[in-house]
Amino acid sequence: MAWRCLECGSGYEAHYPFCARCWRSGSIVPQAHRARAAVDSQPGQSNARDIAKMRFRLVEQTAYPRLELGARALLLLSGPPGSGKSSAGTRLVDSMNGPVVYLSSEEGIGPALSARLLRCGVARDSFHVLTRATVDQVVQFVRDKRAVALVVDSVTEAAWSARELRHLLELAPTLDLLVAILQVTKGGLPAGAMSLQHEADAHVAVDGMRWQLVKSRYQDTSLSGDVLPVKQTEAA
């Protein structure tokens, strides 16, 4: 069994009472593991013409009009449990034209998921939800549905690395946006390896049903806003 530190992301082959890197006590937890996927060995491929198109086009989404995201963007949403990050990811991709896929790795299809979709006003049949899906199954489903966006909630539970998320964008040519949802530690830091934050094209921190842009390759980071429209938040 593999282990990792929730504070700094350091990996270990056995459990220890404290982390040898950040010296945090009680932060070593079992690491999610998945079998190697067949798509892991598939090379990404494109051509100069298609790559040039990616450089200038922005993702068309209406949920957060001030938030700019380039085509083929990897967006990281981080926040503590119950902060609204899953709702933000749900509302964001639902505002895009075309089929979208929501990979729910932490909760099954049931009342809790139904309540979130209701709060976000999501009811269309082209908003697809997957649970208990392998990496190969997710990639094939995204290809079959020609999905324009994918949400992985959460990337820690799904055990996908930053490199694998970027590889997924290459393997699914219809994807315009990949949203990776990440939990944060008690200290307020994103859990897991720092590579997710470095690899992401944009990073949005969510807390108290408010979002704050903390990193972006497309615009200034002094943006913030409500996860849900104010009237819906007050009614909830």
C-alpha atoms as a PDB file:
ATOM      1  CA  MET A   1       0.000   0.000   0.000  1.00  0.00           C
ATOM      2  CA  ALA A   2       1.221   3.497  -0.849  1.00  0.00           C
ATOM      3  CA  TRP A   3       0.963   6.439   1.543  1.00  0.00           C
ATOM      4  CA  ARG A   4       1.167  10.208   1.099  1.00  0.00           C
ATOM      5  CA  CYS A   5       1.268  13.388   3.196  1.00  0.00           C
ATOM      6  CA  LEU A   6      -1.870  15.507   2.971  1.00  0.00           C
ATOM      7  CA  GLU A   7       0.102  18.675   3.669  1.00  0.00           C
ATOM      8  CA  CYS A   8       2.973  18.531   1.165  1.00  0.00           C
ATOM      9  CA  GLY A   9       2.159  15.521  -1.003  1.00  0.00           C
ATOM     10  CA  SER A  10       5.289  13.522  -0.157  1.00  0.00           C
ATOM     11  CA  GLY A  11       4.988   9.813  -0.907  1.00  0.00           C
ATOM     12  CA  TYR A  12       5.893   6.887   1.365  1.00  0.00           C
ATOM     13  CA  GLU A  13       5.863   3.100   1.090  1.00  0.00           C
ATOM     14  CA  ALA A  14       4.823   2.675   4.730  1.00  0.00           C
ATOM     15  CA  HIS A  15       2.902   4.629   7.351  1.00  0.00           C
ATOM     16  CA  TYR A  16       4.791   7.042   9.623  1.00  0.00           C
ATOM     17  CA  PRO A  17       3.487   9.163  12.526  1.00  0.00           C
ATOM     18  CA  PHE A  18       4.836  12.362  10.939  1.00  0.00           C
ATOM     19  CA  CYS A  19       6.092  13.620   7.568  1.00  0.00           C
ATOM     20  CA  ALA A  20       9.877  13.760   7.133  1.00  0.00           C
ATOM     21  CA  ARG A  21       9.529  16.682   4.701  1.00  0.00           C
ATOM     22  CA  CYS A  22       7.087  19.114   6.324  1.00  0.00           C
ATOM     23  CA  TRP A  23       7.164  17.533   9.813  1.00  0.00           C
ATOM     24  CA  ARG A  24       3.374  17.570  10.065  1.00  0.00           C
ATOM     25  CA  SER A  25       2.102  15.015  12.589  1.00  0.00           C
ATOM     26  CA  GLY A  26      -0.767  12.691  11.674  1.00  0.00           C
ATOM     27  CA  SER A  27      -0.836  13.768   8.015  1.00  0.00           C
ATOM     28  CA  ILE A  28       0.257  10.455   6.423  1.00  0.00           C
ATOM     29  CA  VAL A  29      -2.780   8.721   4.864  1.00  0.00           C
ATOM     30  CA  PRO A  30      -3.320   5.836   2.414  1.00  0.00           C
ATOM     31  CA  GLN A  31      -2.980   6.941  -1.209  1.00  0.00           C
ATOM     32  CA  ALA A  32      -5.666   6.129  -3.726  1.00  0.00           C
ATOM     33  CA  HIS A  33      -4.466   3.630  -6.299  1.00  0.00           C
ATOM     34  CA  ARG A  34      -5.728   2.505  -9.676  1.00  0.00           C
ATOM     35  CA  ALA A  35      -4.529  -0.042 -12.172  1.00  0.00           C
ATOM     36  CA  ARG A  36      -2.565   1.236 -15.137  1.00  0.00           C
ATOM     37  CA  ALA A  37      -4.926   2.166 -17.964  1.00  0.00           C
ATOM     38  CA  ALA A  38      -4.530   1.141 -21.584  1.00  0.00           C
ATOM     39  CA  VAL A  39      -4.758   4.784 -22.674  1.00  0.00           C
ATOM     40  CA  ASP A  40      -1.725   5.639 -20.541  1.00  0.00           C
ATOM     41  CA  SER A  41       0.481   4.178 -23.263  1.00  0.00           C
ATOM     42  CA  GLN A  42      -1.233   6.014 -26.132  1.00  0.00           C
ATOM     43  CA  PRO A  43       0.755   8.984 -27.465  1.00  0.00           C
ATOM     44  CA  GLY A  44      -0.845  12.383 -27.851  1.00  0.00           C
ATOM     45  CA  GLN A  45      -0.970  13.584 -31.440  1.00  0.00           C
ATOM     46  CA  SER A  46      -2.076  16.673 -33.343  1.00  0.00           C
ATOM     47  CA  ASN A  47      -0.859  18.978 -36.108  1.00  0.00           C
ATOM     48  CA  ALA A  48       0.321  22.565 -36.363  1.00  0.00           C
ATOM     49  CA  ARG A  49      -2.972  23.781 -37.834  1.00  0.00           C
ATOM     50  CA  ASP A  50      -5.101  22.450 -34.969  1.00  0.00           C
ATOM     51  CA  ILE A  51      -2.606  23.596 -32.334  1.00  0.00           C
ATOM     52  CA  ALA A  52      -2.636  27.122 -33.771  1.00  0.00           C
ATOM     53  CA  LYS A  53      -6.427  27.232 -33.351  1.00  0.00           C
ATOM     54  CA  MET A  54      -6.098  26.370 -29.668  1.00  0.00           C
ATOM     55  CA  ARG A  55      -3.983  29.433 -29.022  1.00  0.00           C
ATOM     56  CA  PHE A  56      -6.578  32.071 -29.896  1.00  0.00           C
ATOM     57  CA  ARG A  57      -9.971  30.580 -28.989  1.00  0.00           C
ATOM     58  CA  LEU A  58     -11.549  31.009 -25.565  1.00  0.00           C
ATOM     59  CA  VAL A  59     -13.946  28.547 -23.991  1.00  0.00           C
ATOM     60  CA  GLU A  60     -17.529  29.736 -24.398  1.00  0.00           C
ATOM     61  CA  GLN A  61     -19.195  29.536 -20.990  1.00  0.00           C
ATOM     62  CA  THR A  62     -21.817  31.801 -19.437  1.00  0.00           C
ATOM     63  CA  ALA A  63     -21.836  30.743 -15.777  1.00  0.00           C
ATOM     64  CA  TYR A  64     -18.901  33.001 -14.837  1.00  0.00           C
ATOM     65  CA  PRO A  65     -18.589  35.511 -17.697  1.00  0.00           C
ATOM     66  CA  ARG A  66     -15.575  37.313 -16.183  1.00  0.00           C
ATOM     67  CA  LEU A  67     -13.565  34.103 -16.000  1.00  0.00           C
ATOM     68  CA  GLU A  68     -11.513  33.562 -19.161  1.00  0.00           C
ATOM     69  CA  LEU A  69     -10.380  30.070 -20.106  1.00  0.00           C
ATOM     70  CA  GLY A  70      -8.517  29.102 -23.240  1.00  0.00           C
ATOM     71  CA  ALA A  71      -9.544  26.134 -25.351  1.00  0.00           C
ATOM     72  CA  ARG A  72      -8.151  22.824 -24.031  1.00  0.00           C
ATOM     73  CA  ALA A  73      -7.654  24.386 -20.591  1.00  0.00           C
ATOM     74  CA  LEU A  74      -6.978  22.430 -17.419  1.00  0.00           C
ATOM     75  CA  LEU A  75      -8.835  24.179 -14.595  1.00  0.00           C
ATOM     76  CA  LEU A  76      -8.138  23.302 -10.961  1.00  0.00           C
ATOM     77  CA  LEU A  77     -10.881  23.964  -8.388  1.00  0.00           C
ATOM     78  CA  SER A  78      -9.745  23.611  -4.781  1.00  0.00           C
ATOM     79  CA  GLY A  79     -11.485  24.121  -1.477  1.00  0.00           C
ATOM     80  CA  PRO A  80     -12.525  22.497   1.812  1.00  0.00           C
ATOM     81  CA  PRO A  81     -15.484  20.094   2.014  1.00  0.00           C
ATOM     82  CA  GLY A  82     -18.804  21.873   1.536  1.00  0.00           C
ATOM     83  CA  SER A  83     -17.188  25.037   0.162  1.00  0.00           C
ATOM     84  CA  GLY A  84     -18.999  24.909  -3.173  1.00  0.00           C
ATOM     85  CA  LYS A  85     -16.252  23.695  -5.491  1.00  0.00           C
ATOM     86  CA  SER A  86     -18.359  20.810  -6.842  1.00  0.00           C
ATOM     87  CA  SER A  87     -21.234  23.212  -7.439  1.00  0.00           C
ATOM     88  CA  ALA A  88     -18.877  25.600  -9.239  1.00  0.00           C
ATOM     89  CA  GLY A  89     -17.637  22.834 -11.520  1.00  0.00           C
ATOM     90  CA  THR A  90     -21.181  21.647 -12.177  1.00  0.00           C
ATOM     91  CA  ARG A  91     -22.512  25.085 -13.026  1.00  0.00           C
ATOM     92  CA  LEU A  92     -19.482  25.995 -15.151  1.00  0.00           C
ATOM     93  CA  VAL A  93     -19.601  23.035 -17.531  1.00  0.00           C
ATOM     94  CA  ASP A  94     -23.404  23.063 -17.704  1.00  0.00           C
ATOM     95  CA  SER A  95     -23.214  26.581 -19.171  1.00  0.00           C
ATOM     96  CA  MET A  96     -21.211  25.295 -22.144  1.00  0.00           C
ATOM     97  CA  ASN A  97     -22.858  24.307 -25.410  1.00  0.00           C
ATOM     98  CA  GLY A  98     -22.594  20.597 -26.063  1.00  0.00           C
ATOM     99  CA  PRO A  99     -22.432  17.334 -24.127  1.00  0.00           C
ATOM    100  CA  VAL A 100     -20.505  17.355 -20.848  1.00  0.00           C
ATOM    101  CA  VAL A 101     -19.386  14.574 -18.497  1.00  0.00           C
ATOM    102  CA  TYR A 102     -19.208  14.681 -14.689  1.00  0.00           C
ATOM    103  CA  LEU A 103     -17.077  11.929 -13.121  1.00  0.00           C
ATOM    104  CA  SER A 104     -18.299  11.567  -9.542  1.00  0.00           C
ATOM    105  CA  SER A 105     -15.570   9.615  -7.747  1.00  0.00           C
ATOM    106  CA  GLU A 106     -16.610  10.511  -4.190  1.00  0.00           C
ATOM    107  CA  GLU A 107     -20.378  10.038  -4.250  1.00  0.00           C
ATOM    108  CA  GLY A 108     -22.732   7.776  -6.157  1.00  0.00           C
ATOM    109  CA  ILE A 109     -25.841   8.609  -8.110  1.00  0.00           C
ATOM    110  CA  GLY A 110     -28.350   9.459  -5.389  1.00  0.00           C
ATOM    111  CA  PRO A 111     -30.109  12.195  -3.356  1.00  0.00           C
ATOM    112  CA  ALA A 112     -26.956  14.224  -2.563  1.00  0.00           C
ATOM    113  CA  LEU A 113     -26.005  14.497  -6.231  1.00  0.00           C
ATOM    114  CA  SER A 114     -29.620  15.186  -7.160  1.00  0.00           C
ATOM    115  CA  ALA A 115     -29.773  18.063  -4.659  1.00  0.00           C
ATOM    116  CA  ARG A 116     -26.629  19.681  -6.098  1.00  0.00           C
ATOM    117  CA  LEU A 117     -27.894  19.460  -9.672  1.00  0.00           C
ATOM    118  CA  LEU A 118     -31.171  21.018  -8.518  1.00  0.00           C
ATOM    119  CA  ARG A 119     -29.350  23.894  -6.771  1.00  0.00           C
ATOM    120  CA  CYS A 120     -27.345  24.519  -9.938  1.00  0.00           C
ATOM    121  CA  GLY A 121     -30.404  24.294 -12.198  1.00  0.00           C
ATOM    122  CA  VAL A 122     -29.018  21.344 -14.182  1.00  0.00           C
ATOM    123  CA  ALA A 123     -31.597  19.079 -15.815  1.00  0.00           C
ATOM    124  CA  ARG A 124     -30.530  18.431 -19.435  1.00  0.00           C
ATOM    125  CA  ASP A 125     -29.954  14.902 -20.679  1.00  0.00           C
ATOM    126  CA  SER A 126     -26.632  15.864 -22.298  1.00  0.00           C
ATOM    127  CA  PHE A 127     -25.150  16.432 -18.815  1.00  0.00           C
ATOM    128  CA  HIS A 128     -23.777  12.926 -18.290  1.00  0.00           C
ATOM    129  CA  VAL A 129     -22.747  11.550 -14.884  1.00  0.00           C
ATOM    130  CA  LEU A 130     -20.316   8.654 -14.418  1.00  0.00           C
ATOM    131  CA  THR A 131     -19.438   6.785 -11.217  1.00  0.00           C
ATOM    132  CA  ARG A 132     -17.095   3.853 -10.535  1.00  0.00           C
ATOM    133  CA  ALA A 133     -15.556   4.307 -13.984  1.00  0.00           C
ATOM    134  CA  THR A 134     -12.025   3.309 -14.927  1.00  0.00           C
ATOM    135  CA  VAL A 135      -9.764   5.687 -16.840  1.00  0.00           C
ATOM    136  CA  ASP A 136     -10.287   3.706 -20.051  1.00  0.00           C
ATOM    137  CA  GLN A 137     -14.061   3.834 -19.603  1.00  0.00           C
ATOM    138  CA  VAL A 138     -14.014   7.597 -19.007  1.00  0.00           C
ATOM    139  CA  VAL A 139     -11.906   8.266 -22.105  1.00  0.00           C
ATOM    140  CA  GLN A 140     -14.108   6.051 -24.274  1.00  0.00           C
ATOM    141  CA  PHE A 141     -17.301   7.642 -22.900  1.00  0.00           C
ATOM    142  CA  VAL A 142     -15.993  11.157 -23.552  1.00  0.00           C
ATOM    143  CA  ARG A 143     -15.069  10.151 -27.092  1.00  0.00           C
ATOM    144  CA  ASP A 144     -18.423   8.466 -27.761  1.00  0.00           C
ATOM    145  CA  LYS A 145     -20.433  11.439 -26.482  1.00  0.00           C
ATOM    146  CA  ARG A 146     -18.078  13.946 -28.142  1.00  0.00           C
ATOM    147  CA  ALA A 147     -18.068  15.792 -24.827  1.00  0.00           C
ATOM    148  CA  VAL A 148     -16.831  19.389 -24.743  1.00  0.00           C
ATOM    149  CA  ALA A 149     -16.068  19.353 -21.003  1.00  0.00           C
ATOM    150  CA  LEU A 150     -15.177  16.878 -18.267  1.00  0.00           C
ATOM    151  CA  VAL A 151     -15.230  17.319 -14.483  1.00  0.00           C
ATOM    152  CA  VAL A 152     -13.192  14.931 -12.295  1.00  0.00           C
ATOM    153  CA  ASP A 153     -14.564  15.118  -8.737  1.00  0.00           C
ATOM    154  CA  SER A 154     -12.284  14.597  -7.048  1.00  0.00           C
ATOM    155  CA  VAL A 155      -8.945  14.116  -8.745  1.00  0.00           C
ATOM    156  CA  THR A 156      -7.471  12.842  -5.471  1.00  0.00           C
ATOM    157  CA  GLU A 157     -10.045  10.070  -5.108  1.00  0.00           C
ATOM    158  CA  ALA A 158      -9.801   9.206  -8.814  1.00  0.00           C
ATOM    159  CA  ALA A 159      -6.007   8.953  -8.393  1.00  0.00           C
ATOM    160  CA  TRP A 160      -5.138  10.846 -11.574  1.00  0.00           C
ATOM    161  CA  SER A 161      -1.874  12.766 -11.737  1.00  0.00           C
ATOM    162  CA  ALA A 162      -1.336  16.132 -13.396  1.00  0.00           C
ATOM    163  CA  ARG A 163       0.473  14.444 -16.269  1.00  0.00           C
ATOM    164  CA  GLU A 164      -2.433  12.028 -16.826  1.00  0.00           C
ATOM    165  CA  LEU A 165      -4.974  14.858 -16.850  1.00  0.00           C
ATOM    166  CA  ARG A 166      -2.982  16.703 -19.500  1.00  0.00           C
ATOM    167  CA  HIS A 167      -2.665  13.459 -21.465  1.00  0.00           C
ATOM    168  CA  LEU A 168      -6.443  13.031 -21.305  1.00  0.00           C
ATOM    169  CA  LEU A 169      -6.906  16.371 -23.076  1.00  0.00           C
ATOM    170  CA  GLU A 170      -4.708  15.098 -25.885  1.00  0.00           C
ATOM    171  CA  LEU A 171      -6.605  11.815 -26.196  1.00  0.00           C
ATOM    172  CA  ALA A 172     -10.057  13.436 -26.314  1.00  0.00           C
ATOM    173  CA  PRO A 173      -9.950  16.009 -29.152  1.00  0.00           C
ATOM    174  CA  THR A 174     -13.485  17.321 -28.536  1.00  0.00           C
ATOM    175  CA  LEU A 175     -12.708  18.432 -24.975  1.00  0.00           C
ATOM    176  CA  ASP A 176     -12.465  22.203 -24.586  1.00  0.00           C
ATOM    177  CA  LEU A 177     -12.244  22.139 -20.793  1.00  0.00           C
ATOM    178  CA  LEU A 178     -11.060  19.692 -18.148  1.00  0.00           C
ATOM    179  CA  VAL A 179     -11.994  20.584 -14.561  1.00  0.00           C
ATOM    180  CA  ALA A 180     -10.076  18.852 -11.759  1.00  0.00           C
ATOM    181  CA  ILE A 181     -11.585  19.246  -8.279  1.00  0.00           C
ATOM    182  CA  LEU A 182      -9.151  19.039  -5.372  1.00  0.00           C
ATOM    183  CA  GLN A 183      -9.656  18.978  -1.607  1.00  0.00           C
ATOM    184  CA  VAL A 184      -7.596  21.206   0.693  1.00  0.00           C
ATOM    185  CA  THR A 185      -5.890  20.344   3.977  1.00  0.00           C
ATOM    186  CA  LYS A 186      -6.742  21.681   7.423  1.00  0.00           C
ATOM    187  CA  GLY A 187      -4.024  24.268   6.858  1.00  0.00           C
ATOM    188  CA  GLY A 188      -5.821  25.557   3.787  1.00  0.00           C
ATOM    189  CA  LEU A 189      -3.354  24.122   1.257  1.00  0.00           C
ATOM    190  CA  PRO A 190      -4.388  21.951  -1.720  1.00  0.00           C
ATOM    191  CA  ALA A 191      -3.952  18.289  -0.806  1.00  0.00           C
ATOM    192  CA  GLY A 192      -1.506  16.197  -2.804  1.00  0.00           C
ATOM    193  CA  ALA A 193       1.360  16.952  -5.132  1.00  0.00           C
ATOM    194  CA  MET A 194       2.176  20.534  -6.135  1.00  0.00           C
ATOM    195  CA  SER A 195       2.359  19.341  -9.758  1.00  0.00           C
ATOM    196  CA  LEU A 196      -1.407  19.805 -10.103  1.00  0.00           C
ATOM    197  CA  GLN A 197      -1.118  23.507  -9.302  1.00  0.00           C
ATOM    198  CA  HIS A 198       1.888  23.940 -11.583  1.00  0.00           C
ATOM    199  CA  GLU A 199       0.308  22.086 -14.505  1.00  0.00           C
ATOM    200  CA  ALA A 200      -3.104  23.805 -14.295  1.00  0.00           C
ATOM    201  CA  ASP A 201      -3.784  26.622 -16.739  1.00  0.00           C
ATOM    202  CA  ALA A 202      -6.040  28.256 -14.175  1.00  0.00           C
ATOM    203  CA  HIS A 203      -6.591  27.675 -10.460  1.00  0.00           C
ATOM    204  CA  VAL A 204      -9.728  28.809  -8.653  1.00  0.00           C
ATOM    205  CA  ALA A 205      -9.975  28.576  -4.862  1.00  0.00           C
ATOM    206  CA  VAL A 206     -13.500  28.124  -3.492  1.00  0.00           C
ATOM    207  CA  ASP A 207     -14.626  28.783   0.075  1.00  0.00           C
ATOM    208  CA  GLY A 208     -17.960  29.726   1.620  1.00  0.00           C
ATOM    209  CA  MET A 209     -19.705  29.514  -1.779  1.00  0.00           C
ATOM    210  CA  ARG A 210     -17.350  32.203  -3.139  1.00  0.00           C
ATOM    211  CA  TRP A 211     -14.645  31.695  -5.776  1.00  0.00           C
ATOM    212  CA  GLN A 212     -11.306  33.467  -6.135  1.00  0.00           C
ATOM    213  CA  LEU A 213      -9.000  33.228  -9.148  1.00  0.00           C
ATOM    214  CA  VAL A 214      -5.492  32.581  -7.804  1.00  0.00           C
ATOM    215  CA  LYS A 215      -3.687  31.566 -11.000  1.00  0.00           C
ATOM    216  CA  SER A 216      -4.378  32.085 -14.689  1.00  0.00           C
ATOM    217  CA  ARG A 217      -2.528  32.006 -17.982  1.00  0.00           C
ATOM    218  CA  TYR A 218      -5.286  34.041 -19.599  1.00  0.00           C
ATOM    219  CA  GLN A 219      -6.025  37.070 -17.391  1.00  0.00           C
ATOM    220  CA  ASP A 220      -5.306  39.011 -14.225  1.00  0.00           C
ATOM    221  CA  THR A 221      -5.956  37.080 -11.007  1.00  0.00           C
ATOM    222  CA  SER A 222      -7.862  39.772  -9.098  1.00  0.00           C
ATOM    223  CA  LEU A 223     -11.247  38.188  -9.831  1.00  0.00           C
ATOM    224  CA  SER A 224     -13.792  36.709  -7.433  1.00  0.00           C
ATOM    225  CA  GLY A 225     -17.517  36.003  -7.347  1.00  0.00           C
ATOM    226  CA  ASP A 226     -20.394  33.870  -6.065  1.00  0.00           C
ATOM    227  CA  VAL A 227     -20.542  30.170  -6.891  1.00  0.00           C
ATOM    228  CA  LEU A 228     -24.316  30.326  -7.337  1.00  0.00           C
ATOM    229  CA  PRO A 229     -26.478  33.321  -8.257  1.00  0.00           C
ATOM    230  CA  VAL A 230     -27.159  35.351  -5.125  1.00  0.00           C
ATOM    231  CA  LYS A 231     -30.915  34.693  -5.148  1.00  0.00           C
ATOM    232  CA  GLN A 232     -30.376  30.925  -5.275  1.00  0.00           C
ATOM    233  CA  THR A 233     -27.754  31.064  -2.524  1.00  0.00           C
ATOM    234  CA  GLU A 234     -30.044  33.050  -0.234  1.00  0.00           C
ATOM    235  CA  ALA A 235     -32.960  30.709  -0.927  1.00  0.00           C
ATOM    236  CA  ALA A 236     -30.804  27.672  -0.065  1.00  0.00           C
END
